[in-house]
Amino acid sequence: MEKENIAVGLDIGTTKIVAMIGKKNEYGKLEILGVGKSKSLGVKRGVVDNITQTIQSIQQAVQEAEEKSGYKIKDVVVGIAGQHIRSIQHSDYISRNNPEEVIGDKDIDMLINQVHKLAMLPGEEIIHVLPQEFKIDGQSEIKEPIGMCGGRLESSFHVVVGQASSIRNVGRCIQSTGIDLAGLTLEPLASADAVLSQEEKEAGVALIDIGGGTTDLAIFKDGIIRHTAVIPFGGNVITEDIKEGCSIIEKQAELLKTRFGSAWPGENRDNEIVSIPGLRGRDPKEISLKNLSKIIHARVVEIIEQVFVEIKAYGHEDPRRKLIAGIVLTGGGAQLNHIKQLVEYITGMDTRIGYPNEHLAGNSNEEISSPLYATAVGLVMNSIQSGKQSAIKIEVEIPEKPVYRAPVRQEVIEEKPIYIEEEVVAEAKQVQQVFTPPESTETKIRRSFFDKYVEKIKDFLENAE
């Protein structure tokens, strides 16, 4: 019997931490076995700023996922983002000793390892080295060099770099919970695996993942990652603006944003008002939905414009780099009403909302298909590709049900005939008399009348003879 490949992804976000356990079914789709979710207390804009609180949040999410799935987590693939992430383009080459020998995986690994030795800025560390296009002996635009021959193997690379201290803090939090760190994946790359099709990557597409603390961008063209960026603004900034603009607490501001918020102010009328309960017996506060939408609109426009600057920096206006598939929005911020229309208005590009349901099994929970879980689904898919067994089945010993057995009497009782003596009968009669209730006066009168009537009948019968 083939061993199950159980994979685990851990999404450490600014507002939430999600632990997801899954496996591939017989149809090649991702079957989610368990999901654990907790509020993220020690992360700010994708960076851990409180180790203790982050560990507690991770433990809570992991424990919930284990209880729902029945599996014990051994190691996880973790998503990483934050304002410290940056990307660079780099080209490098190797010279092969035998040009007649076929190029194999070891040659590609040698070239990638050479890029890993690049000198970075102080405190920085390379997270990903992603090959783009290869060149063999001057022949360019080669996507798959394995199996070809040549003396000089060259490639352009997309290199993702982050702060070493932030990366190590994430690793410390994972290991403090008793779980091994199987790998790190840039969150927009994980989200892209979950919501983008291969056709979109070929045609050219920009993935915008609007999270709680950051907005991540990943651009694909010709099936290759071309550009990544992290904007240090997300849904939390919108909530903060609502909190300050409406003079309410953060919890109420988040509720207003998710239930009544819209990125397009023209959709609300002036007389649409929502009432917020007052604090500690104070009068309720009335808030205009039109003003609420104006606050949200201003901040969302700022975020989208910064993302669009990155898209134009890639060279979207160049016909050779044109993103035919447009923009795909995902993440929790993509659930904001009318954000799709606003993005289309600002960028002039076709836009859709990205859901991870394309890779999920048909019986998956509807909540998991939300853009909110796109990164977590992508991390599980990344963990499956590693081929490691990231969780083991929890063996629960079921106690044997007790069987009732009647007690066995050891002594043997001899059966003897029972003789009722006359004295015993006499005593029983006395006891019966003692316990007979006394007759009432009415009963005595009736008995006396009855006795006299019987005597008269007897006398009549005797005289008649």
Protein backbone atom coordinates (compact mmCIF):
# COMPACT_ATOMS: atom_id res chain seq x y z
CA MET A 1 0.00 0.00 0.00
CA GLU A 2 1.38 3.43 -0.97
CA LYS A 3 2.25 5.68 1.94
CA GLU A 4 0.23 8.87 2.28
CA ASN A 5 2.12 12.11 1.73
CA ILE A 6 0.70 14.37 4.42
CA ALA A 7 1.75 18.00 3.96
CA VAL A 8 1.51 20.98 6.33
CA GLY A 9 1.58 24.71 5.59
CA LEU A 10 1.78 27.52 8.15
CA ASP A 11 0.74 31.03 7.18
CA ILE A 12 2.08 33.55 9.73
CA GLY A 13 0.22 36.74 8.91
CA THR A 14 -0.27 40.09 10.59
CA THR A 15 -3.91 39.47 11.55
CA LYS A 16 -4.16 35.67 11.59
CA ILE A 17 -2.07 32.50 11.76
CA VAL A 18 -3.35 29.51 9.80
CA ALA A 19 -2.08 25.92 10.09
CA MET A 20 -3.37 23.67 7.30
CA ILE A 21 -2.92 19.90 6.89
CA GLY A 22 -3.67 18.26 3.55
CA LYS A 23 -2.85 15.54 1.05
CA LYS A 24 -3.39 14.78 -2.62
CA ASN A 25 -6.29 12.46 -3.41
CA GLU A 26 -6.46 9.89 -6.21
CA TYR A 27 -7.55 12.60 -8.67
CA GLY A 28 -4.54 14.83 -7.99
CA LYS A 29 -6.62 17.38 -6.07
CA LEU A 30 -5.76 18.76 -2.64
CA GLU A 31 -7.82 17.27 0.17
CA ILE A 32 -7.76 19.40 3.33
CA LEU A 33 -7.71 17.25 6.48
CA GLY A 34 -7.69 19.97 9.09
CA VAL A 35 -7.37 23.75 9.51
CA GLY A 36 -6.40 25.66 12.62
CA LYS A 37 -6.76 29.43 12.88
CA SER A 38 -5.74 31.85 15.60
CA LYS A 39 -5.40 35.60 16.02
CA SER A 40 -1.87 36.82 15.30
CA LEU A 41 -0.71 38.85 18.30
CA GLY A 42 3.06 39.14 17.85
CA VAL A 43 3.39 40.05 14.15
CA LYS A 44 3.41 43.55 12.67
CA ARG A 45 3.48 44.11 8.90
CA GLY A 46 4.64 40.54 8.35
CA VAL A 47 7.56 40.78 10.80
CA VAL A 48 7.68 39.08 14.22
CA ASP A 49 7.99 41.72 16.95
CA ASN A 50 6.95 39.61 19.96
CA ILE A 51 8.38 36.08 20.13
CA THR A 52 6.28 34.90 23.10
CA GLN A 53 2.93 35.98 21.69
CA THR A 54 3.76 34.58 18.25
CA ILE A 55 4.68 31.19 19.75
CA GLN A 56 1.37 31.09 21.65
CA SER A 57 -0.61 31.96 18.50
CA ILE A 58 1.24 29.27 16.49
CA GLN A 59 0.61 26.67 19.20
CA GLN A 60 -3.10 27.49 19.23
CA ALA A 61 -3.43 27.18 15.44
CA VAL A 62 -1.36 23.96 15.30
CA GLN A 63 -3.30 22.34 18.14
CA GLU A 64 -6.64 23.10 16.46
CA ALA A 65 -5.43 21.67 13.13
CA GLU A 66 -4.17 18.50 14.85
CA GLU A 67 -7.46 17.99 16.71
CA LYS A 68 -9.54 18.40 13.55
CA SER A 69 -7.35 16.19 11.37
CA GLY A 70 -6.22 13.47 13.77
CA TYR A 71 -2.58 13.96 12.67
CA LYS A 72 0.46 15.05 14.69
CA ILE A 73 2.50 17.74 12.90
CA LYS A 74 6.25 17.09 12.57
CA ASP A 75 7.40 19.89 10.26
CA VAL A 76 5.90 22.77 8.26
CA VAL A 77 6.54 24.94 5.22
CA VAL A 78 6.20 28.55 6.38
CA GLY A 79 5.20 31.58 4.33
CA ILE A 80 7.34 34.67 4.69
CA ALA A 81 6.58 38.26 3.74
CA GLY A 82 7.12 41.69 5.26
CA GLN A 83 8.51 45.08 4.37
CA HIS A 84 12.08 43.74 4.61
CA ILE A 85 11.62 41.57 1.47
CA ARG A 86 13.16 42.77 -1.79
CA SER A 87 14.02 41.14 -5.12
CA ILE A 88 16.86 41.57 -7.60
CA GLN A 89 17.65 40.32 -11.11
CA HIS A 90 20.98 38.53 -11.58
CA SER A 91 22.69 36.60 -14.39
CA ASP A 92 25.37 33.96 -13.88
CA TYR A 93 27.05 31.10 -15.75
CA ILE A 94 29.19 27.98 -15.37
CA SER A 95 31.70 26.40 -17.77
CA ARG A 96 31.35 22.65 -18.19
CA ASN A 97 34.40 20.40 -18.56
CA ASN A 98 32.81 18.12 -21.15
CA PRO A 99 30.57 20.00 -23.64
CA GLU A 100 29.50 16.69 -25.21
CA GLU A 101 28.02 15.46 -21.97
CA VAL A 102 24.26 15.94 -21.52
CA ILE A 103 23.21 18.73 -19.12
CA GLY A 104 21.56 17.30 -15.99
CA ASP A 105 20.14 18.34 -12.63
CA LYS A 106 23.60 18.53 -11.06
CA ASP A 107 24.59 21.28 -13.54
CA ILE A 108 21.48 23.31 -12.70
CA ASP A 109 22.13 22.84 -8.96
CA MET A 110 25.74 23.95 -9.40
CA LEU A 111 24.60 27.13 -11.13
CA ILE A 112 21.98 27.89 -8.46
CA ASN A 113 24.47 27.23 -5.63
CA GLN A 114 26.84 29.68 -7.28
CA VAL A 115 24.14 32.38 -7.12
CA HIS A 116 23.60 31.62 -3.42
CA LYS A 117 27.20 32.76 -2.82
CA LEU A 118 26.40 36.31 -3.94
CA ALA A 119 27.47 39.06 -1.57
CA MET A 120 24.39 40.67 0.00
CA LEU A 121 23.96 43.82 2.07
CA PRO A 122 24.85 43.47 5.77
CA GLY A 123 22.13 41.54 7.60
CA GLU A 124 20.47 40.21 4.44
CA GLU A 125 19.99 36.61 3.35
CA ILE A 126 18.88 34.95 0.12
CA ILE A 127 15.47 33.25 0.40
CA HIS A 128 14.83 32.12 -3.20
CA VAL A 129 16.91 31.74 -6.35
CA LEU A 130 14.42 31.30 -9.20
CA PRO A 131 15.83 30.51 -12.67
CA GLN A 132 14.09 32.32 -15.51
CA GLU A 133 15.57 31.73 -18.96
CA PHE A 134 18.69 29.74 -19.84
CA LYS A 135 21.32 30.28 -22.50
CA ILE A 136 23.61 27.52 -23.83
CA ASP A 137 26.66 28.53 -25.87
CA GLY A 138 24.97 31.75 -26.93
CA GLN A 139 21.59 30.18 -27.78
CA SER A 140 19.05 32.15 -25.74
CA GLU A 141 15.42 31.78 -24.57
CA ILE A 142 15.81 28.15 -23.49
CA LYS A 143 13.26 27.19 -20.81
CA GLU A 144 14.39 23.58 -20.24
CA PRO A 145 18.14 22.97 -20.67
CA ILE A 146 18.16 19.42 -19.24
CA GLY A 147 19.02 16.92 -21.95
CA MET A 148 20.89 19.42 -24.15
CA CYS A 149 24.65 19.65 -24.73
CA GLY A 150 26.97 22.63 -24.36
CA GLY A 151 30.06 24.06 -22.70
CA ARG A 152 28.71 27.30 -21.24
CA LEU A 153 25.44 27.21 -19.27
CA GLU A 154 24.07 30.64 -18.44
CA SER A 155 20.82 31.81 -16.85
CA SER A 156 19.02 34.89 -15.58
CA PHE A 157 17.72 34.60 -12.02
CA HIS A 158 15.06 36.24 -9.90
CA VAL A 159 16.63 36.46 -6.43
CA VAL A 160 14.43 37.10 -3.37
CA VAL A 161 16.27 38.61 -0.40
CA GLY A 162 15.18 39.28 3.20
CA GLN A 163 16.55 40.33 6.57
CA ALA A 164 18.40 37.44 8.23
CA SER A 165 17.20 38.43 11.72
CA SER A 166 13.53 38.36 10.67
CA ILE A 167 13.98 34.96 9.02
CA ARG A 168 15.71 33.54 12.12
CA ASN A 169 12.96 34.90 14.41
CA VAL A 170 10.38 33.00 12.38
CA GLY A 171 12.50 29.84 12.68
CA ARG A 172 12.84 30.31 16.44
CA CYS A 173 9.07 30.62 16.86
CA ILE A 174 8.48 27.41 14.88
CA GLN A 175 11.11 25.38 16.71
CA SER A 176 9.92 26.63 20.12
CA THR A 177 6.60 24.89 19.48
CA GLY A 178 8.40 21.56 18.96
CA ILE A 179 8.00 21.57 15.16
CA ASP A 180 10.76 21.48 12.55
CA LEU A 181 11.04 24.11 9.82
CA ALA A 182 10.91 22.25 6.49
CA GLY A 183 11.22 25.31 4.28
CA LEU A 184 10.46 28.99 3.66
CA THR A 185 8.34 30.22 0.76
CA LEU A 186 7.64 33.78 -0.29
CA GLU A 187 3.91 34.26 0.35
CA PRO A 188 2.98 35.77 -3.04
CA LEU A 189 4.60 32.75 -4.73
CA ALA A 190 2.52 30.41 -2.57
CA SER A 191 -0.66 32.38 -3.32
CA ALA A 192 0.18 32.27 -7.04
CA ASP A 193 0.41 28.47 -6.96
CA ALA A 194 -3.05 28.33 -5.35
CA VAL A 195 -5.05 30.77 -7.51
CA LEU A 196 -3.30 31.16 -10.89
CA SER A 197 -3.60 28.82 -13.86
CA GLN A 198 -0.68 27.93 -16.10
CA GLU A 199 -2.42 29.73 -19.00
CA GLU A 200 -2.49 32.97 -17.02
CA LYS A 201 1.19 32.66 -16.16
CA GLU A 202 1.98 32.13 -19.83
CA ALA A 203 -0.12 35.08 -21.02
CA GLY A 204 1.19 37.44 -18.34
CA VAL A 205 -0.53 38.20 -15.04
CA ALA A 206 -0.02 40.29 -11.91
CA LEU A 207 -1.09 38.67 -8.64
CA ILE A 208 -1.98 41.14 -5.86
CA ASP A 209 -2.34 39.54 -2.42
CA ILE A 210 -3.90 42.08 -0.03
CA GLY A 211 -3.17 40.81 3.47
CA GLY A 212 -3.62 42.26 6.93
CA GLY A 213 -0.25 44.03 7.19
CA THR A 214 1.25 43.90 3.69
CA THR A 215 0.19 43.80 0.05
CA ASP A 216 2.28 41.35 -1.99
CA LEU A 217 2.84 41.45 -5.74
CA ALA A 218 4.04 38.68 -8.07
CA ILE A 219 4.26 39.15 -11.85
CA PHE A 220 4.43 36.18 -14.25
CA LYS A 221 5.10 36.21 -17.98
CA ASP A 222 5.79 33.28 -20.33
CA GLY A 223 5.28 30.94 -17.39
CA ILE A 224 8.21 32.50 -15.49
CA ILE A 225 8.30 34.67 -12.36
CA ARG A 226 9.43 38.11 -13.49
CA HIS A 227 8.98 40.46 -10.55
CA THR A 228 8.03 40.42 -6.87
CA ALA A 229 7.43 43.24 -4.40
CA VAL A 230 6.00 43.78 -0.92
CA ILE A 231 4.04 46.97 -0.14
CA PRO A 232 4.03 47.67 3.64
CA PHE A 233 0.30 48.47 3.74
CA GLY A 234 -2.70 46.18 4.03
CA GLY A 235 -6.13 45.76 5.57
CA ASN A 236 -4.94 46.90 9.01
CA VAL A 237 -4.25 50.41 7.70
CA ILE A 238 -7.82 50.62 6.38
CA THR A 239 -9.16 49.53 9.78
CA GLU A 240 -6.97 52.11 11.52
CA ASP A 241 -8.30 54.88 9.25
CA ILE A 242 -11.91 53.89 10.04
CA LYS A 243 -11.09 53.83 13.75
CA GLU A 244 -9.67 57.36 13.67
CA GLY A 245 -12.17 58.80 11.19
CA CYS A 246 -15.26 57.52 13.00
CA SER A 247 -13.87 57.75 16.58
CA ILE A 248 -14.66 54.13 17.43
CA ILE A 249 -12.67 51.22 18.82
CA GLU A 250 -10.67 48.86 16.57
CA LYS A 251 -13.04 45.90 16.97
CA GLN A 252 -16.00 48.00 15.79
CA ALA A 253 -13.94 49.43 12.91
CA GLU A 254 -13.03 45.94 11.66
CA LEU A 255 -16.68 44.87 11.87
CA LEU A 256 -17.79 47.95 9.95
CA LYS A 257 -15.21 47.31 7.22
CA THR A 258 -16.11 43.66 6.67
CA ARG A 259 -19.92 44.01 6.91
CA PHE A 260 -20.73 47.43 5.45
CA GLY A 261 -17.49 48.64 3.86
CA SER A 262 -17.16 49.40 0.16
CA ALA A 263 -14.26 50.64 -1.96
CA TRP A 264 -16.65 52.62 -4.18
CA PRO A 265 -18.42 55.53 -2.36
CA GLY A 266 -20.95 56.09 -5.15
CA GLU A 267 -22.74 52.87 -4.18
CA ASN A 268 -24.03 54.30 -0.87
CA ARG A 269 -26.79 56.87 -0.39
CA ASP A 270 -26.52 59.83 1.97
CA ASN A 271 -29.32 58.55 4.21
CA GLU A 272 -27.79 55.09 4.79
CA ILE A 273 -26.71 55.04 8.42
CA VAL A 274 -25.52 52.28 10.74
CA SER A 275 -25.77 52.56 14.53
CA ILE A 276 -22.83 51.50 16.72
CA PRO A 277 -23.50 50.65 20.41
CA GLY A 278 -21.98 53.15 22.83
CA LEU A 279 -19.30 52.22 25.35
CA ARG A 280 -20.28 51.58 28.98
CA GLY A 281 -23.87 52.78 28.65
CA ARG A 282 -23.15 55.78 26.42
CA ASP A 283 -25.50 56.73 23.61
CA PRO A 284 -25.17 54.81 20.33
CA LYS A 285 -23.08 56.39 17.58
CA GLU A 286 -24.55 56.82 14.10
CA ILE A 287 -22.17 56.47 11.16
CA SER A 288 -22.92 57.30 7.54
CA LEU A 289 -22.07 54.44 5.18
CA LYS A 290 -21.15 56.98 2.51
CA ASN A 291 -18.51 58.54 4.79
CA LEU A 292 -17.31 55.03 5.70
CA SER A 293 -16.84 54.20 2.02
CA LYS A 294 -14.96 57.46 1.41
CA ILE A 295 -12.46 56.56 4.15
CA ILE A 296 -11.96 53.05 2.73
CA HIS A 297 -11.77 54.35 -0.85
CA ALA A 298 -8.97 56.82 -0.05
CA ARG A 299 -6.73 54.17 1.53
CA VAL A 300 -7.42 51.45 -1.07
CA VAL A 301 -6.60 53.90 -3.88
CA GLU A 302 -3.25 54.62 -2.21
CA ILE A 303 -2.42 50.90 -1.92
CA ILE A 304 -3.42 50.08 -5.52
CA GLU A 305 -1.49 53.06 -6.90
CA GLN A 306 1.69 51.88 -5.14
CA VAL A 307 1.20 48.39 -6.57
CA PHE A 308 0.61 49.87 -10.02
CA VAL A 309 3.93 51.73 -9.76
CA GLU A 310 5.65 48.34 -9.31
CA ILE A 311 3.76 46.90 -12.29
CA LYS A 312 4.87 49.81 -14.47
CA ALA A 313 8.44 49.44 -13.16
CA TYR A 314 8.42 45.89 -14.52
CA GLY A 315 7.61 47.37 -17.92
CA HIS A 316 3.96 46.47 -18.44
CA GLU A 317 3.57 49.19 -21.06
CA ASP A 318 6.16 47.46 -23.26
CA PRO A 319 4.23 45.32 -25.80
CA ARG A 320 6.67 42.43 -25.21
CA ARG A 321 5.93 42.52 -21.48
CA LYS A 322 2.22 43.20 -21.66
CA LEU A 323 0.17 41.31 -19.07
CA ILE A 324 -2.63 39.92 -21.20
CA ALA A 325 -4.35 38.11 -18.29
CA GLY A 326 -4.48 41.35 -16.29
CA ILE A 327 -4.67 41.32 -12.49
CA VAL A 328 -5.79 38.66 -10.01
CA LEU A 329 -6.77 39.85 -6.52
CA THR A 330 -6.55 37.50 -3.55
CA GLY A 331 -6.07 37.61 0.21
CA GLY A 332 -8.49 38.87 2.85
CA GLY A 333 -8.58 42.37 1.34
CA ALA A 334 -9.93 40.97 -1.94
CA GLN A 335 -13.26 40.33 -0.16
CA LEU A 336 -13.91 44.07 0.17
CA ASN A 337 -16.99 45.11 -1.81
CA HIS A 338 -16.37 46.70 -5.23
CA ILE A 339 -12.57 46.48 -4.96
CA LYS A 340 -12.44 44.67 -8.31
CA GLN A 341 -14.15 47.62 -10.06
CA LEU A 342 -11.85 50.12 -8.36
CA VAL A 343 -8.69 48.25 -9.44
CA GLU A 344 -9.94 48.10 -13.02
CA TYR A 345 -10.68 51.85 -12.92
CA ILE A 346 -7.20 52.77 -11.59
CA THR A 347 -5.08 50.40 -13.68
CA GLY A 348 -7.20 49.95 -16.80
CA MET A 349 -6.44 46.19 -16.63
CA ASP A 350 -8.84 43.25 -16.56
CA THR A 351 -9.27 42.04 -12.98
CA ARG A 352 -10.74 39.01 -11.27
CA ILE A 353 -10.88 37.68 -7.70
CA GLY A 354 -8.62 34.66 -7.16
CA TYR A 355 -10.07 31.66 -5.30
CA PRO A 356 -7.99 28.55 -4.44
CA ASN A 357 -10.87 26.17 -5.25
CA GLU A 358 -9.35 25.10 -8.59
CA HIS A 359 -6.81 22.87 -6.80
CA LEU A 360 -9.10 21.73 -3.97
CA ALA A 361 -11.07 18.50 -3.85
CA GLY A 362 -14.78 18.73 -4.55
CA ASN A 363 -15.83 17.96 -0.97
CA SER A 364 -13.78 20.82 0.53
CA ASN A 365 -15.35 23.23 2.97
CA GLU A 366 -16.68 26.40 1.34
CA GLU A 367 -14.77 28.56 3.85
CA ILE A 368 -11.41 27.11 2.72
CA SER A 369 -12.20 28.21 -0.86
CA SER A 370 -12.12 31.85 0.29
CA PRO A 371 -9.28 34.15 -0.90
CA LEU A 372 -8.43 34.44 2.79
CA TYR A 373 -6.85 30.95 2.70
CA ALA A 374 -5.07 31.24 -0.66
CA THR A 375 -1.59 31.51 0.89
CA ALA A 376 -2.16 28.56 3.26
CA VAL A 377 -3.39 26.35 0.39
CA GLY A 378 -0.34 27.32 -1.68
CA LEU A 379 1.99 26.46 1.21
CA VAL A 380 0.44 22.98 1.52
CA MET A 381 0.92 22.48 -2.23
CA ASN A 382 4.56 23.56 -1.84
CA SER A 383 5.00 21.09 1.03
CA ILE A 384 3.54 18.26 -1.11
CA GLN A 385 6.13 18.95 -3.81
CA SER A 386 8.92 18.42 -1.27
CA GLY A 387 7.71 14.82 -0.88
CA LYS A 388 8.22 14.77 2.90
CA GLN A 389 5.87 13.19 5.40
CA SER A 390 5.08 16.27 7.48
CA ALA A 391 2.53 14.71 9.84
CA ILE A 392 1.82 11.31 11.34
CA LYS A 393 -1.47 9.71 12.31
CA ILE A 394 -2.29 10.03 15.98
CA GLU A 395 -2.81 6.54 17.41
CA VAL A 396 -5.63 6.66 19.93
CA GLU A 397 -6.01 3.63 22.19
CA ILE A 398 -9.72 2.85 22.51
CA PRO A 399 -10.42 1.20 25.89
CA GLU A 400 -12.12 -2.19 25.71
CA LYS A 401 -15.79 -1.95 26.55
CA PRO A 402 -16.41 -3.71 29.92
CA VAL A 403 -18.62 -6.83 29.74
CA TYR A 404 -20.96 -7.39 32.67
CA ARG A 405 -20.77 -10.86 34.18
CA ALA A 406 -23.09 -12.01 36.97
CA PRO A 407 -21.28 -13.00 40.16
CA VAL A 408 -20.97 -16.73 40.76
CA ARG A 409 -22.13 -17.91 44.16
CA GLN A 410 -19.74 -20.42 45.65
CA GLU A 411 -21.96 -21.88 48.40
CA VAL A 412 -24.56 -24.56 47.65
CA ILE A 413 -27.96 -24.13 49.29
CA GLU A 414 -29.73 -27.35 50.21
CA GLU A 415 -33.43 -27.38 49.42
CA LYS A 416 -35.51 -28.50 52.45
CA PRO A 417 -39.30 -28.94 52.73
CA ILE A 418 -41.07 -26.14 54.56
CA TYR A 419 -43.47 -27.22 57.38
CA ILE A 420 -46.05 -24.72 58.63
CA GLU A 421 -46.79 -25.45 62.28
CA GLU A 422 -50.15 -24.66 63.85
CA GLU A 423 -48.51 -22.24 66.26
CA VAL A 424 -47.12 -20.29 63.37
CA VAL A 425 -50.58 -20.03 61.83
CA ALA A 426 -52.03 -18.87 65.11
CA GLU A 427 -49.33 -16.22 65.46
CA ALA A 428 -50.08 -15.05 61.93
CA LYS A 429 -53.76 -14.66 62.78
CA GLN A 430 -52.87 -12.63 65.85
CA VAL A 431 -50.59 -10.42 63.78
CA GLN A 432 -53.38 -10.00 61.23
CA GLN A 433 -55.76 -8.93 63.99
CA VAL A 434 -53.27 -6.51 65.42
CA PHE A 435 -52.75 -4.80 62.10
CA THR A 436 -56.44 -4.75 61.07
CA PRO A 437 -57.59 -1.11 61.06
CA PRO A 438 -60.40 -0.28 63.56
CA GLU A 439 -63.96 -0.06 62.25
CA SER A 440 -65.66 3.31 62.10
CA THR A 441 -68.97 4.06 63.92
CA GLU A 442 -70.89 4.11 60.66
CA THR A 443 -69.56 0.67 59.77
CA LYS A 444 -70.53 -0.70 63.17
CA ILE A 445 -74.14 0.61 62.80
CA ARG A 446 -74.47 -0.93 59.34
CA ARG A 447 -73.07 -4.22 60.57
CA SER A 448 -75.53 -4.24 63.53
CA PHE A 449 -78.50 -3.47 61.24
CA PHE A 450 -77.39 -6.20 58.84
CA ASP A 451 -77.10 -8.76 61.63
CA LYS A 452 -80.62 -7.96 62.93
CA TYR A 453 -82.02 -8.22 59.38
CA VAL A 454 -80.42 -11.64 58.97
CA GLU A 455 -81.89 -12.82 62.28
CA LYS A 456 -85.39 -11.75 61.19
CA ILE A 457 -85.07 -13.68 57.96
CA LYS A 458 -83.95 -16.79 59.84
CA ASP A 459 -86.99 -16.50 62.24
CA PHE A 460 -89.36 -16.06 59.28
CA LEU A 461 -88.03 -19.15 57.63
CA GLU A 462 -88.25 -21.24 60.77
CA ASN A 463 -91.91 -20.17 61.42
CA ALA A 464 -92.79 -20.89 57.82
CA GLU A 465 -91.72 -24.51 58.26
